[in-house]
Amino acid sequence: MAEEKEKNAQGSEKQHGKKEPSSKLTSIIRIAGKDVNGSYSVVRAIDSVKGIGNNMAKAMSHAVEDKLGMDPYAEIGSLDDESIAKLEALIKNPEKYGIPTFMLNRNKDFETGKDLHIVGNDLIFAKRQDIGRDVTLRTWRGSRHQYGQKVRGQHTRSTGRTGTTMGVTKKSAQKPGSAPAKDKK
């Protein structure tokens, strides 16, 4: 009788969303050059990598479930090294796992002409190289980057101001009912 009560108590804890602590939970996992909290789900861990947004993480979670046979909502710290290596391969080459090319962040790369998906420090480096190439080629975008102005066609008359403020200075305040002061010539 006491054993049944314990089982019912454990079953109700699982129903209310309380997680049972796993024995092999690693606190920090390194995925694609990013340290990720081991208690995150696989989807959230993929989403925390630079270069992978929410939509891409959702698409990758479907690939994790269908192609790799893993639960996308399992804790990332409970996965073994082989599963983490498979996740790394998915992040490095998402086309191979059925992710559509329009979701990749580097379509028709300038140097190779291929559709790529770049993450982490490689993304930072590639972005810096693209801006540097625009500056050296003296394109419109490059000159806007060079002078620190807005690049994508936004209005700059009233927004994006930096440095000291330039505003309209008012004339000295007048007393009510008195005539305006005349200029002396």
Protein backbone atom coordinates (compact mmCIF):
# COMPACT_ATOMS: atom_id res chain seq x y z
CA MET A 1 0.00 0.00 0.00
CA ALA A 2 2.79 2.41 0.87
CA GLU A 3 4.58 1.54 -2.37
CA GLU A 4 1.51 2.47 -4.42
CA LYS A 5 1.31 5.86 -2.70
CA GLU A 6 4.96 6.53 -3.50
CA LYS A 7 4.40 5.62 -7.16
CA ASN A 8 1.33 7.86 -7.33
CA ALA A 9 3.26 10.72 -5.73
CA GLN A 10 6.10 10.31 -8.25
CA GLY A 11 3.62 10.13 -11.14
CA SER A 12 1.90 13.34 -10.05
CA GLU A 13 5.25 15.16 -9.88
CA LYS A 14 5.95 14.21 -13.49
CA GLN A 15 2.51 15.38 -14.56
CA HIS A 16 2.99 18.81 -12.99
CA GLY A 17 6.13 19.49 -15.01
CA LYS A 18 8.74 18.85 -12.36
CA LYS A 19 11.81 17.33 -13.94
CA GLU A 20 13.43 14.32 -12.46
CA PRO A 21 17.14 15.05 -12.02
CA SER A 22 19.15 12.89 -14.39
CA SER A 23 22.21 11.15 -13.07
CA LYS A 24 24.46 11.96 -16.06
CA LEU A 25 23.73 15.67 -16.51
CA THR A 26 26.67 17.77 -17.66
CA SER A 27 26.38 21.36 -16.51
CA ILE A 28 28.02 23.04 -19.53
CA ILE A 29 28.17 21.72 -23.08
CA ARG A 30 30.21 23.25 -25.92
CA ILE A 31 28.34 23.40 -29.24
CA ALA A 32 29.74 25.19 -32.30
CA GLY A 33 32.16 27.25 -30.22
CA LYS A 34 29.53 28.32 -27.67
CA ASP A 35 29.23 27.19 -24.06
CA VAL A 36 25.61 26.20 -23.43
CA ASN A 37 23.86 25.48 -20.14
CA GLY A 38 23.34 21.72 -19.80
CA SER A 39 19.79 22.12 -18.49
CA TYR A 40 18.60 23.71 -21.76
CA SER A 41 16.57 21.66 -24.19
CA VAL A 42 18.20 20.74 -27.50
CA VAL A 43 16.11 23.35 -29.35
CA ARG A 44 17.02 26.14 -26.93
CA ALA A 45 20.68 25.15 -26.98
CA ILE A 46 20.75 25.29 -30.79
CA ASP A 47 18.97 28.65 -30.67
CA SER A 48 21.64 30.11 -28.38
CA VAL A 49 24.38 29.62 -30.99
CA LYS A 50 25.24 32.84 -32.87
CA GLY A 51 23.96 32.63 -36.43
CA ILE A 52 20.96 30.43 -35.64
CA GLY A 53 17.68 32.19 -35.02
CA ASN A 54 14.37 30.94 -33.71
CA ASN A 55 13.03 29.73 -37.06
CA MET A 56 16.24 27.93 -37.96
CA ALA A 57 16.31 26.28 -34.51
CA LYS A 58 12.73 25.04 -35.05
CA ALA A 59 13.65 23.63 -38.46
CA MET A 60 16.73 21.98 -36.99
CA SER A 61 14.63 20.50 -34.18
CA HIS A 62 12.50 18.74 -36.80
CA ALA A 63 15.68 17.41 -38.40
CA VAL A 64 16.93 16.28 -34.98
CA GLU A 65 13.72 14.35 -34.44
CA ASP A 66 13.35 12.89 -37.94
CA LYS A 67 16.90 12.32 -39.17
CA LEU A 68 18.87 11.84 -35.94
CA GLY A 69 16.15 10.13 -33.91
CA MET A 70 16.63 12.27 -30.79
CA ASP A 71 14.09 14.06 -28.66
CA PRO A 72 14.40 17.81 -29.41
CA TYR A 73 13.11 18.69 -25.95
CA ALA A 74 15.54 16.50 -24.01
CA GLU A 75 18.13 18.23 -21.85
CA ILE A 76 21.32 18.82 -23.80
CA GLY A 77 23.44 17.90 -20.78
CA SER A 78 22.02 14.38 -20.73
CA LEU A 79 23.19 13.58 -24.28
CA ASP A 80 26.32 11.53 -24.91
CA ASP A 81 29.32 12.73 -26.93
CA GLU A 82 28.19 10.92 -30.07
CA SER A 83 24.82 12.71 -30.08
CA ILE A 84 26.50 16.07 -29.52
CA ALA A 85 28.83 15.35 -32.45
CA LYS A 86 25.75 14.65 -34.61
CA LEU A 87 24.25 17.99 -33.49
CA GLU A 88 27.50 19.74 -34.42
CA ALA A 89 27.36 18.13 -37.87
CA LEU A 90 23.76 19.31 -38.26
CA ILE A 91 24.73 22.87 -37.34
CA LYS A 92 27.77 22.88 -39.65
CA ASN A 93 25.94 21.44 -42.69
CA PRO A 94 22.14 21.87 -42.38
CA GLU A 95 21.49 21.27 -46.10
CA LYS A 96 22.58 17.66 -45.71
CA TYR A 97 19.79 17.10 -43.16
CA GLY A 98 16.97 18.55 -45.26
CA ILE A 99 16.95 22.20 -44.16
CA PRO A 100 15.79 24.30 -47.17
CA THR A 101 18.35 26.62 -48.75
CA PHE A 102 16.28 29.76 -48.25
CA MET A 103 16.81 29.39 -44.48
CA LEU A 104 20.59 29.53 -44.76
CA ASN A 105 22.24 32.79 -43.78
CA ARG A 106 24.71 33.04 -46.68
CA ASN A 107 23.06 32.32 -50.02
CA LYS A 108 25.38 32.44 -53.05
CA ASP A 109 28.56 33.22 -51.14
CA PHE A 110 30.67 35.91 -52.85
CA GLU A 111 33.85 33.85 -52.92
CA THR A 112 32.56 30.31 -53.53
CA GLY A 113 29.12 30.84 -55.08
CA LYS A 114 27.64 28.14 -52.82
CA ASP A 115 24.78 28.34 -50.32
CA LEU A 116 26.33 28.23 -46.86
CA HIS A 117 25.25 28.52 -43.26
CA ILE A 118 27.91 30.15 -41.11
CA VAL A 119 27.77 30.22 -37.31
CA GLY A 120 29.80 31.55 -34.40
CA ASN A 121 33.12 33.31 -34.93
CA ASP A 122 33.11 32.42 -38.62
CA LEU A 123 29.96 34.54 -39.01
CA ILE A 124 31.59 37.51 -37.27
CA PHE A 125 34.68 37.20 -39.47
CA ALA A 126 32.66 36.85 -42.70
CA LYS A 127 30.56 39.91 -41.86
CA ARG A 128 33.67 41.96 -41.13
CA GLN A 129 35.23 40.80 -44.42
CA ASP A 130 32.09 41.78 -46.37
CA ILE A 131 32.07 45.27 -44.89
CA GLY A 132 35.79 45.66 -45.54
CA ARG A 133 35.33 44.59 -49.16
CA ASP A 134 32.53 47.16 -49.61
CA VAL A 135 34.73 49.89 -48.13
CA THR A 136 37.70 49.08 -50.37
CA LEU A 137 35.52 48.87 -53.50
CA ARG A 138 34.06 52.27 -52.63
CA THR A 139 30.47 51.09 -52.95
CA TRP A 140 27.64 53.14 -51.54
CA ARG A 141 27.21 50.71 -48.68
CA GLY A 142 30.92 50.81 -48.01
CA SER A 143 31.02 54.59 -47.79
CA ARG A 144 28.02 54.59 -45.44
CA HIS A 145 29.77 52.03 -43.23
CA GLN A 146 33.00 54.04 -43.38
CA TYR A 147 31.36 57.22 -42.12
CA GLY A 148 29.16 55.48 -39.56
CA GLN A 149 25.89 56.43 -41.26
CA LYS A 150 22.79 54.31 -41.74
CA VAL A 151 23.28 51.80 -44.53
CA ARG A 152 19.88 50.44 -45.50
CA GLY A 153 18.17 53.59 -46.75
CA GLN A 154 16.70 54.85 -43.50
CA HIS A 155 15.97 58.54 -43.03
CA THR A 156 18.66 60.41 -41.13
CA ARG A 157 17.18 63.86 -40.70
CA SER A 158 15.94 63.33 -37.18
CA THR A 159 17.26 59.94 -36.08
CA GLY A 160 20.66 58.33 -35.75
CA ARG A 161 22.37 61.45 -34.46
CA THR A 162 25.57 61.02 -32.54
CA GLY A 163 27.96 63.38 -30.81
CA THR A 164 26.97 66.74 -29.40
CA THR A 165 23.41 67.87 -29.89
CA MET A 166 22.64 70.55 -32.42
CA GLY A 167 19.37 72.28 -31.85
CA VAL A 168 17.52 75.53 -32.31
CA THR A 169 18.46 78.18 -29.75
CA LYS A 170 15.60 80.34 -28.59
CA LYS A 171 15.87 84.09 -28.30
CA SER A 172 16.08 85.40 -24.76
CA ALA A 173 12.78 85.10 -22.99
CA GLN A 174 10.55 88.16 -23.16
CA LYS A 175 8.27 89.47 -20.46
CA PRO A 176 4.59 89.27 -21.32
CA GLY A 177 3.08 92.52 -22.58
CA SER A 178 6.39 94.17 -23.47
CA ALA A 179 7.43 95.05 -27.01
CA PRO A 180 10.05 92.90 -28.69
CA ALA A 181 13.59 94.22 -28.43
CA LYS A 182 14.90 96.09 -31.48
CA ASP A 183 18.22 95.33 -33.02
CA LYS A 184 20.85 98.05 -32.78
CA LYS A 185 22.71 98.80 -35.95
